[in-house]
Amino acid sequence: MPSRRQPAEAGAIELREDERQHELRSFGRRRGRKLSARQQHLLDEVLPRVSLPMSEPAPQSLASVFSSPVSKVWLEIGFGGGEHLLWQAAANRDTGLIGCEVFEDGVVKALSGVETAELQNVKVCAEDARAVLRWLPAGSIDKAFILFPDPWPKKRHVKRRLINRALLDELARVMSPGAELRIATDIGDYLRTILEAFAGYSGFAWQAQCPADWRERGADWPGTRYEAKAVREGRRRYFLRFKRA
């Protein structure tokens, strides 16, 4: 049965160093095929310019890490090929987008889009999103996205799924009151895991009032390649919205 922990108060949730070292990975491999010269350029030249400055203390105003003025900051955990991240950045130029992705192929795709569109409101981090959450200032995120996270379908791997009570504690700390958390999955068993994690959790409230609220994305929620794959393979997609209390 899930723990009934309450969300953490303001201030970083502190984990002992040995606990951090033993955190189960919630993602698979980091690298795919050999990088082309163009892709290597993106990692060597573009990534340093748009990286989240996690080697430094988090600023009091998270908006200050962006090279263009932004009025709010959104976070995407596991942006995959970057389609959603880039769409949101282009459609919301007054918003800073932080994208986390550990898979190198996905990172270079996002960097290519950032360079091509000359986006000044995107920061990218190629590290574990849980480390990013611990770095972020309390109440600094106005919207967050976790779209089609790795389902870890085998029973022995279920414990590696990203969404659990510990992650909700981290999200509850960094998200501002009234902020929206969007989650998508195409795996029914993962949907159950997600809803169990949120059940009875006072930090977030599920916004669904009718079936359309979790069956449809909405105009401001673009599709991704992972959703397209789910459609091709005949899997139902679930789109969840939660509000930070």
Protein backbone atom coordinates (compact mmCIF):
# COMPACT_ATOMS: atom_id res chain seq x y z
CA MET A 1 0.00 0.00 0.00
CA PRO A 2 1.39 3.43 -0.87
CA SER A 3 2.85 5.59 1.88
CA ARG A 4 0.64 8.44 3.09
CA ARG A 5 3.44 10.98 3.39
CA GLN A 6 2.52 14.62 3.13
CA PRO A 7 4.34 16.90 0.65
CA ALA A 8 7.54 18.42 1.96
CA GLU A 9 7.56 21.97 3.29
CA ALA A 10 9.52 24.75 1.60
CA GLY A 11 13.21 23.98 1.43
CA ALA A 12 14.99 21.21 -0.40
CA ILE A 13 14.16 17.64 0.50
CA GLU A 14 17.42 16.34 1.86
CA LEU A 15 18.59 12.82 1.09
CA ARG A 16 21.73 11.29 2.55
CA GLU A 17 24.45 10.86 -0.05
CA ASP A 18 24.29 7.08 0.17
CA GLU A 19 20.54 7.17 -0.49
CA ARG A 20 21.09 9.25 -3.63
CA GLN A 21 23.72 6.86 -4.88
CA HIS A 22 21.34 3.92 -4.49
CA GLU A 23 18.34 5.53 -6.20
CA LEU A 24 17.03 3.13 -8.82
CA ARG A 25 17.42 4.39 -12.38
CA SER A 26 14.05 5.24 -13.90
CA PHE A 27 15.47 5.27 -17.45
CA GLY A 28 17.19 2.78 -19.73
CA ARG A 29 20.24 3.41 -21.90
CA ARG A 30 21.79 6.84 -22.38
CA ARG A 31 23.29 6.39 -25.85
CA GLY A 32 22.02 5.00 -29.14
CA ARG A 33 23.76 5.05 -32.51
CA LYS A 34 27.10 6.73 -33.18
CA LEU A 35 26.79 10.49 -33.39
CA SER A 36 27.26 12.34 -36.67
CA ALA A 37 29.55 15.35 -36.89
CA ARG A 38 26.52 17.64 -36.71
CA GLN A 39 25.21 15.89 -33.60
CA GLN A 40 28.61 16.04 -31.93
CA HIS A 41 28.71 19.78 -32.69
CA LEU A 42 25.37 20.21 -30.94
CA LEU A 43 26.65 18.45 -27.82
CA ASP A 44 29.99 20.24 -27.83
CA GLU A 45 28.89 23.75 -28.77
CA VAL A 46 25.14 24.21 -28.24
CA LEU A 47 24.54 22.16 -25.10
CA PRO A 48 27.00 24.18 -22.95
CA ARG A 49 25.18 27.38 -23.98
CA VAL A 50 21.72 26.12 -23.06
CA SER A 51 22.54 23.82 -20.14
CA LEU A 52 20.89 24.39 -16.80
CA PRO A 53 23.65 25.75 -14.51
CA MET A 54 23.41 23.01 -11.91
CA SER A 55 27.06 23.35 -10.88
CA GLU A 56 26.06 26.66 -9.31
CA PRO A 57 23.58 27.30 -6.48
CA ALA A 58 20.01 27.72 -7.72
CA PRO A 59 19.12 31.40 -8.17
CA GLN A 60 16.34 32.98 -6.13
CA SER A 61 14.60 33.83 -9.40
CA LEU A 62 14.66 30.88 -11.79
CA ALA A 63 13.72 33.18 -14.66
CA SER A 64 17.22 34.66 -14.45
CA VAL A 65 18.83 31.54 -16.00
CA PHE A 66 17.24 32.31 -19.39
CA SER A 67 18.84 34.62 -21.92
CA SER A 68 15.48 36.19 -22.85
CA PRO A 69 12.99 37.70 -20.37
CA VAL A 70 10.39 35.17 -19.15
CA SER A 71 7.48 35.63 -16.79
CA LYS A 72 7.13 31.99 -15.72
CA VAL A 73 9.00 28.69 -15.94
CA TRP A 74 7.77 25.25 -17.02
CA LEU A 75 9.50 21.90 -16.63
CA GLU A 76 9.37 18.81 -18.86
CA ILE A 77 10.76 15.58 -17.42
CA GLY A 78 11.89 13.12 -20.09
CA PHE A 79 11.24 15.12 -23.27
CA GLY A 80 12.11 12.25 -25.63
CA GLY A 81 12.66 13.66 -29.11
CA GLY A 82 11.80 17.18 -27.93
CA GLU A 83 8.66 17.66 -30.04
CA HIS A 84 6.51 18.80 -27.13
CA LEU A 85 9.26 20.88 -25.50
CA LEU A 86 10.04 22.77 -28.72
CA TRP A 87 6.37 23.32 -29.55
CA GLN A 88 5.66 24.79 -26.13
CA ALA A 89 8.77 27.00 -26.27
CA ALA A 90 7.80 28.37 -29.69
CA ALA A 91 4.16 28.89 -28.71
CA ASN A 92 4.97 30.53 -25.35
CA ARG A 93 7.89 32.88 -25.91
CA ASP A 94 7.35 34.60 -22.55
CA THR A 95 7.78 31.27 -20.76
CA GLY A 96 11.06 29.59 -19.87
CA LEU A 97 11.14 25.86 -20.63
CA ILE A 98 13.46 23.48 -18.77
CA GLY A 99 13.76 20.09 -20.41
CA CYS A 100 15.31 16.99 -18.80
CA GLU A 101 16.34 14.00 -20.91
CA VAL A 102 19.13 11.47 -20.37
CA PHE A 103 18.99 9.74 -23.79
CA GLU A 104 21.64 11.34 -25.99
CA ASP A 105 19.70 10.98 -29.25
CA GLY A 106 16.79 12.89 -27.74
CA VAL A 107 19.07 15.60 -26.40
CA VAL A 108 20.65 16.27 -29.80
CA LYS A 109 17.21 16.38 -31.47
CA ALA A 110 16.09 19.04 -28.99
CA LEU A 111 19.34 20.98 -29.39
CA SER A 112 18.92 20.94 -33.17
CA GLY A 113 15.43 22.39 -32.79
CA VAL A 114 16.63 25.04 -30.35
CA GLU A 115 19.41 26.12 -32.72
CA THR A 116 17.28 26.05 -35.87
CA ALA A 117 14.42 28.05 -34.35
CA GLU A 118 16.82 30.29 -32.39
CA LEU A 119 14.88 29.67 -29.20
CA GLN A 120 16.15 31.75 -26.29
CA ASN A 121 13.68 30.41 -23.73
CA VAL A 122 14.89 26.80 -23.44
CA LYS A 123 17.31 25.21 -20.97
CA VAL A 124 18.31 21.57 -21.29
CA CYS A 125 19.64 19.15 -18.70
CA ALA A 126 20.97 15.73 -19.66
CA GLU A 127 21.02 14.46 -16.07
CA ASP A 128 18.54 12.53 -13.95
CA ALA A 129 15.45 14.70 -13.46
CA ARG A 130 15.39 13.88 -9.75
CA ALA A 131 18.71 15.74 -9.35
CA VAL A 132 17.17 18.69 -11.20
CA LEU A 133 14.17 18.69 -8.88
CA ARG A 134 16.44 18.78 -5.84
CA TRP A 135 18.32 21.74 -7.34
CA LEU A 136 15.29 23.84 -8.26
CA PRO A 137 14.10 26.55 -5.85
CA ALA A 138 10.87 25.94 -3.96
CA GLY A 139 7.74 27.14 -5.75
CA SER A 140 9.64 28.03 -8.93
CA ILE A 141 7.75 25.88 -11.49
CA ASP A 142 4.39 27.01 -12.89
CA LYS A 143 3.67 23.93 -15.03
CA ALA A 144 5.27 20.50 -15.37
CA PHE A 145 5.00 17.69 -17.90
CA ILE A 146 5.81 13.97 -17.70
CA LEU A 147 4.74 12.53 -21.04
CA PHE A 148 4.92 8.80 -21.77
CA PRO A 149 7.63 7.93 -19.22
CA ASP A 150 9.45 4.61 -19.55
CA PRO A 151 6.78 2.04 -18.52
CA TRP A 152 9.19 -0.66 -17.28
CA PRO A 153 6.56 -3.28 -18.19
CA LYS A 154 8.24 -6.32 -16.64
CA LYS A 155 7.00 -7.07 -13.13
CA ARG A 156 10.50 -7.18 -11.67
CA HIS A 157 11.17 -3.68 -13.04
CA VAL A 158 8.00 -1.93 -11.86
CA LYS A 159 9.91 -0.45 -8.89
CA ARG A 160 11.96 1.57 -11.40
CA ARG A 161 8.97 3.56 -12.61
CA LEU A 162 9.57 7.27 -12.21
CA ILE A 163 6.21 8.29 -10.79
CA ASN A 164 5.85 7.45 -7.12
CA ARG A 165 5.30 9.22 -3.80
CA ALA A 166 8.95 10.31 -3.51
CA LEU A 167 8.73 12.08 -6.88
CA LEU A 168 5.44 13.73 -5.89
CA ASP A 169 7.13 15.13 -2.80
CA GLU A 170 9.83 16.68 -4.98
CA LEU A 171 7.29 18.06 -7.45
CA ALA A 172 5.10 19.44 -4.67
CA ARG A 173 8.09 21.37 -3.31
CA VAL A 174 9.15 22.99 -6.59
CA MET A 175 5.71 23.72 -8.07
CA SER A 176 3.85 26.89 -7.17
CA PRO A 177 0.31 26.80 -5.70
CA GLY A 178 -2.20 26.30 -8.51
CA ALA A 179 0.46 25.00 -10.92
CA GLU A 180 -0.57 22.26 -13.34
CA LEU A 181 1.09 18.87 -13.68
CA ARG A 182 0.38 16.97 -16.90
CA ILE A 183 1.09 13.27 -17.24
CA ALA A 184 0.49 10.98 -20.22
CA THR A 185 0.85 7.22 -20.58
CA ASP A 186 -0.29 4.55 -22.99
CA ILE A 187 0.15 1.69 -20.53
CA GLY A 188 -2.91 0.76 -18.48
CA ASP A 189 -0.87 -0.77 -15.67
CA TYR A 190 1.24 2.38 -15.40
CA LEU A 191 -1.96 4.43 -15.26
CA ARG A 192 -2.92 2.41 -12.20
CA THR A 193 0.53 3.03 -10.67
CA ILE A 194 0.13 6.78 -11.26
CA LEU A 195 -3.35 7.00 -9.78
CA GLU A 196 -2.30 4.95 -6.76
CA ALA A 197 0.59 7.37 -6.17
CA PHE A 198 -1.79 10.35 -6.19
CA ALA A 199 -4.58 8.66 -4.18
CA GLY A 200 -5.07 10.48 -0.90
CA TYR A 201 -2.11 12.78 -1.61
CA SER A 202 -3.05 16.28 -0.48
CA GLY A 203 -0.42 18.07 -2.55
CA PHE A 204 -2.21 17.54 -5.88
CA ALA A 205 -5.81 17.24 -7.04
CA TRP A 206 -6.79 15.32 -10.19
CA GLN A 207 -8.75 17.65 -12.47
CA ALA A 208 -10.82 15.05 -14.36
CA GLN A 209 -14.59 15.55 -14.19
CA CYS A 210 -15.64 13.47 -17.21
CA PRO A 211 -14.03 10.82 -19.47
CA ALA A 212 -13.04 13.41 -22.09
CA ASP A 213 -10.78 15.03 -19.49
CA TRP A 214 -8.41 12.06 -19.57
CA ARG A 215 -9.05 10.76 -23.09
CA GLU A 216 -8.26 13.98 -24.98
CA ARG A 217 -5.14 16.16 -24.96
CA GLY A 218 -6.50 19.57 -25.84
CA ALA A 219 -5.22 22.15 -28.33
CA ASP A 220 -2.36 23.34 -26.10
CA TRP A 221 -1.00 19.82 -25.65
CA PRO A 222 0.71 18.68 -28.88
CA GLY A 223 1.37 15.05 -29.73
CA THR A 224 4.74 13.31 -29.59
CA ARG A 225 6.39 10.47 -31.49
CA TYR A 226 5.68 8.18 -28.56
CA GLU A 227 1.99 8.91 -28.76
CA ALA A 228 2.09 8.32 -32.54
CA LYS A 229 3.69 4.94 -31.89
CA ALA A 230 0.94 4.08 -29.40
CA VAL A 231 -1.68 4.98 -32.01
CA ARG A 232 -0.01 2.79 -34.63
CA GLU A 233 0.13 -0.12 -32.20
CA GLY A 234 -3.47 0.31 -31.10
CA ARG A 235 -2.90 1.36 -27.48
CA ARG A 236 -5.22 3.72 -25.65
CA ARG A 237 -3.65 6.96 -24.42
CA TYR A 238 -4.39 8.57 -21.07
CA PHE A 239 -3.91 12.31 -20.45
CA LEU A 240 -3.96 13.33 -16.81
CA ARG A 241 -4.00 16.82 -15.30
CA PHE A 242 -3.30 17.53 -11.64
CA LYS A 243 -3.39 20.87 -9.82
CA ARG A 244 -0.90 21.76 -7.12
CA ALA A 245 -2.85 22.52 -3.96
